[in-house]
C-alpha atoms as a PDB file:
ATOM      1  CA  UNK A   1      14.529 -53.642  45.067  1.00  0.00           C
ATOM      2  CA  UNK A   2      13.496 -55.941  47.530  1.00  0.00           C
ATOM      3  CA  UNK A   3      10.947 -58.782  46.937  1.00  0.00           C
ATOM      4  CA  UNK A   4       9.172 -61.106  49.137  1.00  0.00           C
ATOM      5  CA  UNK A   5       6.217 -63.703  49.045  1.00  0.00           C
ATOM      6  CA  UNK A   6       3.566 -62.617  51.520  1.00  0.00           C
ATOM      7  CA  UNK A   7       0.190 -63.770  52.826  1.00  0.00           C
ATOM      8  CA  UNK A   8      -2.545 -62.331  55.033  1.00  0.00           C
ATOM      9  CA  UNK A   9      -2.192 -63.731  58.568  1.00  0.00           C
ATOM     10  CA  UNK A  10      -5.627 -65.761  58.091  1.00  0.00           C
ATOM     11  CA  UNK A  11      -4.455 -67.142  54.638  1.00  0.00           C
ATOM     12  CA  UNK A  12      -2.009 -69.485  52.958  1.00  0.00           C
ATOM     13  CA  UNK A  13      -2.327 -67.695  49.680  1.00  0.00           C
ATOM     14  CA  UNK A  14       1.068 -66.193  48.789  1.00  0.00           C
ATOM     15  CA  UNK A  15       1.609 -63.016  46.603  1.00  0.00           C
ATOM     16  CA  UNK A  16       4.722 -61.387  45.304  1.00  0.00           C
ATOM     17  CA  UNK A  17       5.471 -57.989  46.877  1.00  0.00           C
ATOM     18  CA  UNK A  18       7.810 -55.251  46.934  1.00  0.00           C
ATOM     19  CA  UNK A  19       9.172 -54.568  50.337  1.00  0.00           C
ATOM     20  CA  UNK A  20       9.896 -50.805  51.209  1.00  0.00           C
ATOM     21  CA  UNK A  21      11.069 -50.396  54.768  1.00  0.00           C
ATOM     22  CA  UNK A  22       8.256 -51.753  57.068  1.00  0.00           C
ATOM     23  CA  UNK A  23       5.718 -51.913  54.109  1.00  0.00           C
ATOM     24  CA  UNK A  24       4.678 -54.030  51.321  1.00  0.00           C
ATOM     25  CA  UNK A  25       3.427 -53.174  47.886  1.00  0.00           C
ATOM     26  CA  UNK A  26       1.586 -56.053  46.004  1.00  0.00           C
ATOM     27  CA  UNK A  27       3.279 -56.516  42.496  1.00  0.00           C
ATOM     28  CA  UNK A  28      -0.522 -57.178  41.376  1.00  0.00           C
ATOM     29  CA  UNK A  29      -1.174 -53.612  42.410  1.00  0.00           C
ATOM     30  CA  UNK A  30       1.648 -52.364  40.159  1.00  0.00           C
ATOM     31  CA  UNK A  31       1.130 -54.261  36.993  1.00  0.00           C
ATOM     32  CA  UNK A  32      -1.765 -56.139  35.288  1.00  0.00           C
ATOM     33  CA  UNK A  33      -1.402 -58.942  34.456  1.00  0.00           C
ATOM     34  CA  UNK A  34       1.393 -59.301  37.091  1.00  0.00           C
ATOM     35  CA  UNK A  35       4.052 -62.203  38.002  1.00  0.00           C
ATOM     36  CA  UNK A  36       2.496 -63.822  41.052  1.00  0.00           C
ATOM     37  CA  UNK A  37       5.878 -65.493  42.190  1.00  0.00           C
ATOM     38  CA  UNK A  38       9.525 -64.421  42.151  1.00  0.00           C
ATOM     39  CA  UNK A  39      10.129 -67.291  39.668  1.00  0.00           C
ATOM     40  CA  UNK A  40       7.596 -65.756  37.128  1.00  0.00           C
ATOM     41  CA  UNK A  41       9.288 -62.447  37.746  1.00  0.00           C
ATOM     42  CA  UNK A  42      12.753 -63.689  36.946  1.00  0.00           C
ATOM     43  CA  UNK A  43      11.529 -65.616  33.898  1.00  0.00           C
ATOM     44  CA  UNK A  44      10.013 -62.248  32.644  1.00  0.00           C
ATOM     45  CA  UNK A  45      13.491 -61.189  32.112  1.00  0.00           C
ATOM     46  CA  UNK A  46      14.968 -57.547  32.515  1.00  0.00           C
ATOM     47  CA  UNK A  47      11.994 -55.927  30.707  1.00  0.00           C
ATOM     48  CA  UNK A  48       9.487 -57.169  33.286  1.00  0.00           C
ATOM     49  CA  UNK A  49      11.613 -56.119  36.157  1.00  0.00           C
ATOM     50  CA  UNK A  50      12.051 -52.604  34.665  1.00  0.00           C
ATOM     51  CA  UNK A  51       8.329 -52.390  34.313  1.00  0.00           C
ATOM     52  CA  UNK A  52       7.802 -53.311  38.025  1.00  0.00           C
ATOM     53  CA  UNK A  53      10.456 -50.699  38.883  1.00  0.00           C
ATOM     54  CA  UNK A  54       8.701 -48.072  36.734  1.00  0.00           C
ATOM     55  CA  UNK A  55       5.321 -48.717  38.267  1.00  0.00           C
ATOM     56  CA  UNK A  56       6.729 -48.682  41.945  1.00  0.00           C
ATOM     57  CA  UNK A  57       8.537 -45.427  41.238  1.00  0.00           C
ATOM     58  CA  UNK A  58       5.158 -43.758  40.407  1.00  0.00           C
ATOM     59  CA  UNK A  59       4.434 -44.273  44.136  1.00  0.00           C
ATOM     60  CA  UNK A  60       0.568 -44.464  43.931  1.00  0.00           C
ATOM     61  CA  UNK A  61      -0.066 -48.225  44.749  1.00  0.00           C
ATOM     62  CA  UNK A  62      -1.486 -49.256  47.963  1.00  0.00           C
ATOM     63  CA  UNK A  63       0.924 -49.990  50.947  1.00  0.00           C
ATOM     64  CA  UNK A  64       0.340 -52.690  53.482  1.00  0.00           C
ATOM     65  CA  UNK A  65       2.006 -52.874  57.044  1.00  0.00           C
ATOM     66  CA  UNK A  66       4.362 -55.874  57.320  1.00  0.00           C
ATOM     67  CA  UNK A  67       2.794 -56.486  60.758  1.00  0.00           C
ATOM     68  CA  UNK A  68      -0.242 -57.493  59.141  1.00  0.00           C
ATOM     69  CA  UNK A  69       1.232 -60.112  56.881  1.00  0.00           C
ATOM     70  CA  UNK A  70       3.131 -63.301  57.001  1.00  0.00           C
ATOM     71  CA  UNK A  71       6.186 -64.215  54.881  1.00  0.00           C
ATOM     72  CA  UNK A  72       6.409 -67.068  52.717  1.00  0.00           C
ATOM     73  CA  UNK A  73       9.710 -68.703  51.481  1.00  0.00           C
ATOM     74  CA  UNK A  74      11.841 -66.187  49.526  1.00  0.00           C
ATOM     75  CA  UNK A  75      11.950 -68.497  46.529  1.00  0.00           C
ATOM     76  CA  UNK A  76       8.983 -70.886  45.536  1.00  0.00           C
ATOM     77  CA  UNK A  77       9.502 -73.800  43.346  1.00  0.00           C
ATOM     78  CA  UNK A  78      12.982 -72.964  41.928  1.00  0.00           C
ATOM     79  CA  UNK A  79      14.192 -75.179  39.098  1.00  0.00           C
ATOM     80  CA  UNK A  80      16.858 -76.603  41.580  1.00  0.00           C
ATOM     81  CA  UNK A  81      18.478 -75.767  44.844  1.00  0.00           C
ATOM     82  CA  UNK A  82      22.045 -76.294  44.690  1.00  0.00           C
ATOM     83  CA  UNK A  83      24.153 -76.269  47.982  1.00  0.00           C
ATOM     84  CA  UNK A  84      27.977 -76.011  48.391  1.00  0.00           C
ATOM     85  CA  UNK A  85      29.641 -77.645  51.256  1.00  0.00           C
ATOM     86  CA  UNK A  86      32.981 -76.845  52.884  1.00  0.00           C
ATOM     87  CA  UNK A  87      33.266 -73.442  51.305  1.00  0.00           C
ATOM     88  CA  UNK A  88      34.822 -71.711  54.451  1.00  0.00           C
ATOM     89  CA  UNK A  89      38.067 -73.172  55.800  1.00  0.00           C
ATOM     90  CA  UNK A  90      36.915 -72.809  59.422  1.00  0.00           C
ATOM     91  CA  UNK A  91      33.872 -74.732  58.854  1.00  0.00           C
ATOM     92  CA  UNK A  92      35.558 -77.527  57.091  1.00  0.00           C
ATOM     93  CA  UNK A  93      38.102 -77.801  59.962  1.00  0.00           C
ATOM     94  CA  UNK A  94      35.659 -77.732  62.696  1.00  0.00           C
ATOM     95  CA  UNK A  95      33.753 -80.542  61.144  1.00  0.00           C
ATOM     96  CA  UNK A  96      36.939 -82.595  60.592  1.00  0.00           C
ATOM     97  CA  UNK A  97      36.528 -82.618  56.708  1.00  0.00           C
ATOM     98  CA  UNK A  98      38.877 -81.732  54.080  1.00  0.00           C
ATOM     99  CA  UNK A  99      38.074 -78.976  51.648  1.00  0.00           C
ATOM    100  CA  UNK A 100      38.506 -80.792  48.288  1.00  0.00           C
ATOM    101  CA  UNK A 101      40.223 -79.491  45.000  1.00  0.00           C
ATOM    102  CA  UNK A 102      36.604 -79.025  43.644  1.00  0.00           C
ATOM    103  CA  UNK A 103      33.544 -77.576  45.398  1.00  0.00           C
ATOM    104  CA  UNK A 104      31.523 -80.177  47.418  1.00  0.00           C
ATOM    105  CA  UNK A 105      27.987 -79.768  45.713  1.00  0.00           C
ATOM    106  CA  UNK A 106      24.715 -81.363  46.626  1.00  0.00           C
ATOM    107  CA  UNK A 107      20.967 -80.676  46.153  1.00  0.00           C
ATOM    108  CA  UNK A 108      18.339 -79.679  48.640  1.00  0.00           C
ATOM    109  CA  UNK A 109      14.870 -80.969  48.161  1.00  0.00           C
ATOM    110  CA  UNK A 110      12.018 -78.493  47.614  1.00  0.00           C
ATOM    111  CA  UNK A 111       9.991 -79.530  50.565  1.00  0.00           C
ATOM    112  CA  UNK A 112      12.774 -78.219  52.689  1.00  0.00           C
ATOM    113  CA  UNK A 113      12.008 -74.548  51.789  1.00  0.00           C
ATOM    114  CA  UNK A 114      10.834 -72.502  54.745  1.00  0.00           C
ATOM    115  CA  UNK A 115       9.854 -69.070  55.493  1.00  0.00           C
ATOM    116  CA  UNK A 116      10.915 -66.170  57.879  1.00  0.00           C
ATOM    117  CA  UNK A 117       9.303 -66.439  61.436  1.00  0.00           C
ATOM    118  CA  UNK A 118       8.010 -70.020  60.580  1.00  0.00           C
ATOM    119  CA  UNK A 119       8.358 -72.947  62.673  1.00  0.00           C
ATOM    120  CA  UNK A 120      10.352 -76.026  61.581  1.00  0.00           C
ATOM    121  CA  UNK A 121       9.538 -79.249  63.242  1.00  0.00           C
ATOM    122  CA  UNK A 122      11.116 -82.744  63.277  1.00  0.00           C
ATOM    123  CA  UNK A 123      10.936 -86.078  65.182  1.00  0.00           C
ATOM    124  CA  UNK A 124      13.089 -86.510  67.989  1.00  0.00           C
ATOM    125  CA  UNK A 125      13.535 -90.067  66.895  1.00  0.00           C
ATOM    126  CA  UNK A 126      15.217 -89.087  63.576  1.00  0.00           C
ATOM    127  CA  UNK A 127      17.747 -86.623  65.135  1.00  0.00           C
ATOM    128  CA  UNK A 128      18.816 -84.779  68.268  1.00  0.00           C
ATOM    129  CA  UNK A 129      21.739 -83.240  66.537  1.00  0.00           C
ATOM    130  CA  UNK A 130      20.088 -80.660  64.562  1.00  0.00           C
ATOM    131  CA  UNK A 131      22.508 -77.700  63.580  1.00  0.00           C
ATOM    132  CA  UNK A 132      22.264 -74.242  61.983  1.00  0.00           C
ATOM    133  CA  UNK A 133      24.302 -72.849  59.078  1.00  0.00           C
ATOM    134  CA  UNK A 134      24.085 -69.267  57.880  1.00  0.00           C
ATOM    135  CA  UNK A 135      24.609 -68.902  54.281  1.00  0.00           C
ATOM    136  CA  UNK A 136      24.354 -66.461  51.565  1.00  0.00           C
ATOM    137  CA  UNK A 137      21.823 -67.592  48.707  1.00  0.00           C
ATOM    138  CA  UNK A 138      22.458 -66.606  45.196  1.00  0.00           C
ATOM    139  CA  UNK A 139      19.668 -66.633  42.672  1.00  0.00           C
ATOM    140  CA  UNK A 140      20.330 -67.032  38.974  1.00  0.00           C
ATOM    141  CA  UNK A 141      18.630 -64.572  36.705  1.00  0.00           C
ATOM    142  CA  UNK A 142      19.418 -65.823  33.289  1.00  0.00           C
ATOM    143  CA  UNK A 143      20.517 -69.270  31.670  1.00  0.00           C
ATOM    144  CA  UNK A 144      24.140 -69.498  32.444  1.00  0.00           C
ATOM    145  CA  UNK A 145      26.312 -71.987  30.473  1.00  0.00           C
ATOM    146  CA  UNK A 146      30.166 -72.131  30.486  1.00  0.00           C
ATOM    147  CA  UNK A 147      30.367 -68.656  31.981  1.00  0.00           C
ATOM    148  CA  UNK A 148      33.687 -67.343  32.933  1.00  0.00           C
ATOM    149  CA  UNK A 149      34.661 -66.109  36.460  1.00  0.00           C
ATOM    150  CA  UNK A 150      34.759 -62.488  35.153  1.00  0.00           C
ATOM    151  CA  UNK A 151      31.283 -62.874  33.728  1.00  0.00           C
ATOM    152  CA  UNK A 152      29.626 -64.915  36.280  1.00  0.00           C
ATOM    153  CA  UNK A 153      28.013 -62.148  38.522  1.00  0.00           C
ATOM    154  CA  UNK A 154      26.179 -60.932  35.370  1.00  0.00           C
ATOM    155  CA  UNK A 155      24.072 -64.060  35.662  1.00  0.00           C
ATOM    156  CA  UNK A 156      22.825 -63.324  39.244  1.00  0.00           C
ATOM    157  CA  UNK A 157      19.402 -61.843  39.622  1.00  0.00           C
ATOM    158  CA  UNK A 158      19.578 -61.471  43.377  1.00  0.00           C
ATOM    159  CA  UNK A 159      20.603 -62.569  46.801  1.00  0.00           C
ATOM    160  CA  UNK A 160      18.872 -64.007  49.804  1.00  0.00           C
ATOM    161  CA  UNK A 161      19.623 -65.390  53.272  1.00  0.00           C
ATOM    162  CA  UNK A 162      19.593 -69.083  53.737  1.00  0.00           C
ATOM    163  CA  UNK A 163      19.772 -71.318  56.961  1.00  0.00           C
ATOM    164  CA  UNK A 164      21.027 -74.662  55.923  1.00  0.00           C
ATOM    165  CA  UNK A 165      19.676 -76.679  58.773  1.00  0.00           C
ATOM    166  CA  UNK A 166      21.479 -79.921  59.180  1.00  0.00           C
ATOM    167  CA  UNK A 167      20.893 -83.296  61.122  1.00  0.00           C
ATOM    168  CA  UNK A 168      24.714 -83.901  61.924  1.00  0.00           C
ATOM    169  CA  UNK A 169      24.120 -87.493  62.990  1.00  0.00           C
ATOM    170  CA  UNK A 170      22.495 -88.445  59.726  1.00  0.00           C
ATOM    171  CA  UNK A 171      25.102 -86.379  57.834  1.00  0.00           C
ATOM    172  CA  UNK A 172      28.063 -88.353  59.179  1.00  0.00           C
ATOM    173  CA  UNK A 173      26.225 -91.774  58.858  1.00  0.00           C
ATOM    174  CA  UNK A 174      25.355 -91.522  55.069  1.00  0.00           C
ATOM    175  CA  UNK A 175      27.469 -90.877  52.086  1.00  0.00           C
ATOM    176  CA  UNK A 176      25.420 -88.158  50.844  1.00  0.00           C
ATOM    177  CA  UNK A 177      24.289 -84.908  52.261  1.00  0.00           C
ATOM    178  CA  UNK A 178      20.969 -84.270  50.727  1.00  0.00           C
ATOM    179  CA  UNK A 179      18.630 -86.136  52.956  1.00  0.00           C
ATOM    180  CA  UNK A 180      20.158 -84.857  56.357  1.00  0.00           C
ATOM    181  CA  UNK A 181      19.646 -81.262  55.223  1.00  0.00           C
ATOM    182  CA  UNK A 182      16.212 -81.822  53.395  1.00  0.00           C
ATOM    183  CA  UNK A 183      13.786 -82.470  56.287  1.00  0.00           C
ATOM    184  CA  UNK A 184      10.516 -80.449  55.889  1.00  0.00           C
ATOM    185  CA  UNK A 185      11.498 -76.871  56.690  1.00  0.00           C
ATOM    186  CA  UNK A 186      15.186 -77.394  56.879  1.00  0.00           C
ATOM    187  CA  UNK A 187      16.014 -74.689  54.350  1.00  0.00           C
ATOM    188  CA  UNK A 188      14.473 -71.371  55.497  1.00  0.00           C
ATOM    189  CA  UNK A 189      15.117 -68.593  52.977  1.00  0.00           C
ATOM    190  CA  UNK A 190      14.447 -64.928  53.098  1.00  0.00           C
ATOM    191  CA  UNK A 191      12.885 -62.878  54.421  1.00  0.00           C
ATOM    192  CA  UNK A 192      13.563 -61.060  50.999  1.00  0.00           C
ATOM    193  CA  UNK A 193      15.420 -61.438  47.833  1.00  0.00           C
ATOM    194  CA  UNK A 194      17.488 -58.318  47.085  1.00  0.00           C
ATOM    195  CA  UNK A 195      18.119 -57.514  43.388  1.00  0.00           C
ATOM    196  CA  UNK A 196      21.725 -57.869  42.414  1.00  0.00           C
ATOM    197  CA  UNK A 197      22.266 -54.143  41.647  1.00  0.00           C
ATOM    198  CA  UNK A 198      21.820 -53.549  45.369  1.00  0.00           C
ATOM    199  CA  UNK A 199      24.806 -55.742  46.510  1.00  0.00           C
ATOM    200  CA  UNK A 200      28.092 -54.256  45.384  1.00  0.00           C
ATOM    201  CA  UNK A 201      30.271 -57.155  46.196  1.00  0.00           C
ATOM    202  CA  UNK A 202      28.948 -60.466  47.347  1.00  0.00           C
ATOM    203  CA  UNK A 203      32.423 -61.094  48.818  1.00  0.00           C
ATOM    204  CA  UNK A 204      32.164 -58.179  51.373  1.00  0.00           C
ATOM    205  CA  UNK A 205      29.196 -59.057  53.478  1.00  0.00           C
ATOM    206  CA  UNK A 206      29.002 -59.608  57.101  1.00  0.00           C
ATOM    207  CA  UNK A 207      27.292 -62.949  57.876  1.00  0.00           C
ATOM    208  CA  UNK A 208      26.132 -64.354  61.256  1.00  0.00           C
ATOM    209  CA  UNK A 209      23.896 -66.658  63.342  1.00  0.00           C
ATOM    210  CA  UNK A 210      22.356 -66.198  66.633  1.00  0.00           C
ATOM    211  CA  UNK A 211      20.790 -69.217  68.663  1.00  0.00           C
ATOM    212  CA  UNK A 212      18.620 -68.439  71.680  1.00  0.00           C
ATOM    213  CA  UNK A 213      20.304 -65.066  72.094  1.00  0.00           C
ATOM    214  CA  UNK A 214      23.902 -66.288  71.696  1.00  0.00           C
ATOM    215  CA  UNK A 215      25.954 -65.291  68.755  1.00  0.00           C
ATOM    216  CA  UNK A 216      27.429 -68.485  67.332  1.00  0.00           C
ATOM    217  CA  UNK A 217      28.623 -67.455  63.895  1.00  0.00           C
ATOM    218  CA  UNK A 218      30.185 -64.068  62.950  1.00  0.00           C
ATOM    219  CA  UNK A 219      32.107 -63.819  59.750  1.00  0.00           C
ATOM    220  CA  UNK A 220      32.412 -62.221  56.237  1.00  0.00           C
ATOM    221  CA  UNK A 221      31.802 -63.797  52.923  1.00  0.00           C
ATOM    222  CA  UNK A 222      35.328 -62.809  51.946  1.00  0.00           C
ATOM    223  CA  UNK A 223      36.436 -65.798  53.938  1.00  0.00           C
ATOM    224  CA  UNK A 224      34.718 -68.166  51.270  1.00  0.00           C
ATOM    225  CA  UNK A 225      37.277 -70.743  49.873  1.00  0.00           C
ATOM    226  CA  UNK A 226      35.542 -69.978  46.454  1.00  0.00           C
ATOM    227  CA  UNK A 227      33.796 -66.703  45.619  1.00  0.00           C
ATOM    228  CA  UNK A 228      30.318 -66.648  44.266  1.00  0.00           C
ATOM    229  CA  UNK A 229      31.570 -65.930  40.834  1.00  0.00           C
ATOM    230  CA  UNK A 230      33.976 -68.933  41.093  1.00  0.00           C
ATOM    231  CA  UNK A 231      31.119 -71.208  42.086  1.00  0.00           C
ATOM    232  CA  UNK A 232      28.700 -70.108  39.419  1.00  0.00           C
ATOM    233  CA  UNK A 233      31.590 -70.547  36.813  1.00  0.00           C
ATOM    234  CA  UNK A 234      32.289 -74.059  38.040  1.00  0.00           C
ATOM    235  CA  UNK A 235      28.619 -75.194  38.190  1.00  0.00           C
ATOM    236  CA  UNK A 236      27.886 -73.854  34.747  1.00  0.00           C
ATOM    237  CA  UNK A 237      30.784 -75.639  33.160  1.00  0.00           C
ATOM    238  CA  UNK A 238      28.862 -78.975  33.439  1.00  0.00           C
ATOM    239  CA  UNK A 239      25.113 -77.921  33.376  1.00  0.00           C
ATOM    240  CA  UNK A 240      23.194 -74.922  32.372  1.00  0.00           C
ATOM    241  CA  UNK A 241      22.023 -73.092  35.412  1.00  0.00           C
ATOM    242  CA  UNK A 242      18.365 -72.163  34.623  1.00  0.00           C
ATOM    243  CA  UNK A 243      16.765 -68.763  35.830  1.00  0.00           C
ATOM    244  CA  UNK A 244      15.574 -69.069  39.322  1.00  0.00           C
ATOM    245  CA  UNK A 245      18.214 -71.581  40.499  1.00  0.00           C
ATOM    246  CA  UNK A 246      18.971 -71.050  44.061  1.00  0.00           C
ATOM    247  CA  UNK A 247      22.721 -71.643  45.127  1.00  0.00           C
ATOM    248  CA  UNK A 248      23.562 -71.765  48.896  1.00  0.00           C
ATOM    249  CA  UNK A 249      27.169 -70.891  49.111  1.00  0.00           C
ATOM    250  CA  UNK A 250      28.285 -72.596  52.210  1.00  0.00           C
ATOM    251  CA  UNK A 251      28.533 -71.550  55.889  1.00  0.00           C
ATOM    252  CA  UNK A 252      31.347 -70.043  57.989  1.00  0.00           C
ATOM    253  CA  UNK A 253      32.850 -71.422  61.109  1.00  0.00           C
ATOM    254  CA  UNK A 254      30.860 -71.641  64.361  1.00  0.00           C
ATOM    255  CA  UNK A 255      28.596 -74.706  63.827  1.00  0.00           C
ATOM    256  CA  UNK A 256      27.059 -76.126  66.976  1.00  0.00           C
ATOM    257  CA  UNK A 257      28.543 -79.551  66.301  1.00  0.00           C
ATOM    258  CA  UNK A 258      32.016 -78.282  66.847  1.00  0.00           C
ATOM    259  CA  UNK A 259      31.524 -76.390  69.935  1.00  0.00           C
ATOM    260  CA  UNK A 260      32.397 -77.364  73.391  1.00  0.00           C
ATOM    261  CA  UNK A 261      29.798 -77.951  74.790  1.00  0.00           C
ATOM    262  CA  UNK A 262      27.797 -78.657  71.544  1.00  0.00           C
ATOM    263  CA  UNK A 263      24.974 -76.362  70.598  1.00  0.00           C
ATOM    264  CA  UNK A 264      22.052 -77.993  68.799  1.00  0.00           C
ATOM    265  CA  UNK A 265      18.723 -76.688  67.968  1.00  0.00           C
ATOM    266  CA  UNK A 266      16.115 -77.937  70.661  1.00  0.00           C
ATOM    267  CA  UNK A 267      12.469 -77.932  71.063  1.00  0.00           C
ATOM    268  CA  UNK A 268      11.642 -74.306  71.650  1.00  0.00           C
ATOM    269  CA  UNK A 269      15.012 -72.881  70.122  1.00  0.00           C
ATOM    270  CA  UNK A 270      14.960 -69.776  67.972  1.00  0.00           C
ATOM    271  CA  UNK A 271      17.716 -69.090  65.444  1.00  0.00           C
ATOM    272  CA  UNK A 272      18.399 -66.136  63.427  1.00  0.00           C
ATOM    273  CA  UNK A 273      20.719 -65.946  60.612  1.00  0.00           C
ATOM    274  CA  UNK A 274      21.738 -62.748  58.769  1.00  0.00           C
ATOM    275  CA  UNK A 275      23.702 -61.195  56.060  1.00  0.00           C
ATOM    276  CA  UNK A 276      24.311 -57.469  55.924  1.00  0.00           C
ATOM    277  CA  UNK A 277      22.515 -55.686  53.022  1.00  0.00           C
ATOM    278  CA  UNK A 278      19.766 -58.437  52.783  1.00  0.00           C
ATOM    279  CA  UNK A 279      18.284 -59.004  56.244  1.00  0.00           C
ATOM    280  CA  UNK A 280      17.749 -61.475  59.176  1.00  0.00           C
ATOM    281  CA  UNK A 281      16.049 -64.647  58.815  1.00  0.00           C
ATOM    282  CA  UNK A 282      14.474 -66.203  61.892  1.00  0.00           C
ATOM    283  CA  UNK A 283      13.306 -69.819  62.572  1.00  0.00           C
ATOM    284  CA  UNK A 284      11.403 -71.369  65.486  1.00  0.00           C
ATOM    285  CA  UNK A 285      12.150 -74.807  66.376  1.00  0.00           C
ATOM    286  CA  UNK A 286       9.927 -77.799  67.501  1.00  0.00           C
ATOM    287  CA  UNK A 287      11.294 -81.276  68.326  1.00  0.00           C
ATOM    288  CA  UNK A 288       8.388 -83.693  68.252  1.00  0.00           C
ATOM    289  CA  UNK A 289       8.449 -86.754  70.705  1.00  0.00           C
END
């Protein structure tokens, strides 16, 4: 199944919905009481998801055209957002950074979450070197502690698309990477979350990015240095991964910083990142003087 947070175009009130083609079915029209956010649905466990599946299968709930609605972030208030850097050899090389013997892990701040077709803005005075990064997002469905690589994918609730927007000048000026990637709106997610049963192999997905009509990243998740299962196993060895945790699994080669000439996101830029089987996530950019 595919889930999203949606609102009417004249409202900021988000509701959880099932996405079916170009239509949405509100979960509140399927169940009462109903989970109002994806986090609540995940915390309800397998039994709640199966109830939603059953009610959806009955097929008698109202449907709403997506053209009448706005997307919110695919995840709202996750327990934590974990990001993995340097997880594709081509991206590590182009940034002039070494892939370490253990994953490079950092956190993203919740204010950075953004939505499909939303506008991300930042002050020109802070950075004119803002870059894009197409990434596969993994959402944990059950508490995971010390899970083996073989068992790790059993902990996954679903997958989404992430654009890990980055102020490169700040990234290379500071010892940590959280601030340069956590400006307001710098972590767009979505448009949807696809349940894990619909992704047969997270290491066999086409991933790409398009900036102002130009394809700038074009790769496969099989190029990850460490697989999704390996990342989950590693992260769960030191801390329990709580249900709803979002893991952004790294970006392939083709970042704007490494290009000649360089390509950075500018005032008026549009960037679309996508992952086959999940969808395309578009962000509009404003650089404020």
